[in-house]
Amino acid sequence: MKYPKVRRTYCPRCKTHTEHSVSVYKKGKDRALAAGARRYARKKRGYGSQPKLFYVL
């Protein structure tokens, strides 16, 4: 993905718009004990197939 290396945006220290360098961050690792992960794990267990299937087209 292409993105600009420099962007003009507000600087609270200068109190004006100046050029800032831009960087891309990756998503961090999910917490295993977060409420959503616990809910998803509970939904996946049991008899039969998984209720949440991932379809790859």
Protein backbone atom coordinates (compact mmCIF):
# COMPACT_ATOMS: atom_id res chain seq x y z
CA MET A 1 0.00 0.00 0.00
CA LYS A 2 1.32 3.41 -0.91
CA TYR A 3 1.03 6.27 1.54
CA PRO A 4 2.66 9.70 1.81
CA LYS A 5 5.93 9.82 3.73
CA VAL A 6 5.20 13.36 4.97
CA ARG A 7 1.88 14.95 5.85
CA ARG A 8 0.91 18.47 6.79
CA THR A 9 -1.10 18.27 10.01
CA TYR A 10 -1.67 20.20 13.23
CA CYS A 11 1.21 20.40 15.73
CA PRO A 12 0.03 21.22 19.27
CA ARG A 13 3.49 22.45 20.24
CA CYS A 14 3.77 24.94 17.34
CA LYS A 15 0.00 25.57 17.35
CA THR A 16 -0.03 25.53 13.56
CA HIS A 17 -0.01 23.06 10.67
CA THR A 18 3.47 21.75 9.89
CA GLU A 19 4.93 18.74 8.09
CA HIS A 20 5.07 15.50 10.06
CA SER A 21 6.59 12.19 9.03
CA VAL A 22 4.11 9.33 8.69
CA SER A 23 4.69 5.72 9.76
CA VAL A 24 2.51 2.62 9.52
CA TYR A 25 1.89 0.46 12.58
CA LYS A 26 0.90 -3.18 12.65
CA LYS A 27 -1.83 -4.62 14.82
CA GLY A 28 -0.61 -5.94 18.17
CA LYS A 29 -1.18 -9.45 19.48
CA ASP A 30 -4.71 -10.18 20.73
CA ARG A 31 -5.19 -10.81 24.44
CA ALA A 32 -6.30 -14.40 25.06
CA LEU A 33 -8.48 -13.44 28.05
CA ALA A 34 -10.28 -10.47 26.48
CA ALA A 35 -14.08 -10.70 26.58
CA GLY A 36 -14.41 -11.07 22.80
CA ALA A 37 -11.87 -13.91 22.66
CA ARG A 38 -13.61 -15.74 25.51
CA ARG A 39 -16.99 -15.32 23.80
CA TYR A 40 -15.60 -16.56 20.48
CA ALA A 41 -13.95 -19.59 22.15
CA ARG A 42 -17.23 -20.45 23.89
CA LYS A 43 -19.13 -20.15 20.62
CA LYS A 44 -16.65 -22.44 18.83
CA ARG A 45 -16.84 -25.36 21.27
CA GLY A 46 -19.51 -28.04 21.44
CA TYR A 47 -20.89 -30.64 19.08
CA GLY A 48 -20.98 -30.37 15.31
CA SER A 49 -19.13 -27.93 13.16
CA GLN A 50 -18.03 -24.44 14.09
CA PRO A 51 -20.85 -21.90 14.01
CA LYS A 52 -18.38 -19.33 12.66
CA LEU A 53 -16.84 -20.58 9.42
CA PHE A 54 -14.24 -18.70 7.47
CA TYR A 55 -14.93 -18.85 3.75
CA VAL A 56 -12.02 -18.26 1.41
CA LEU A 57 -13.08 -17.22 -2.06
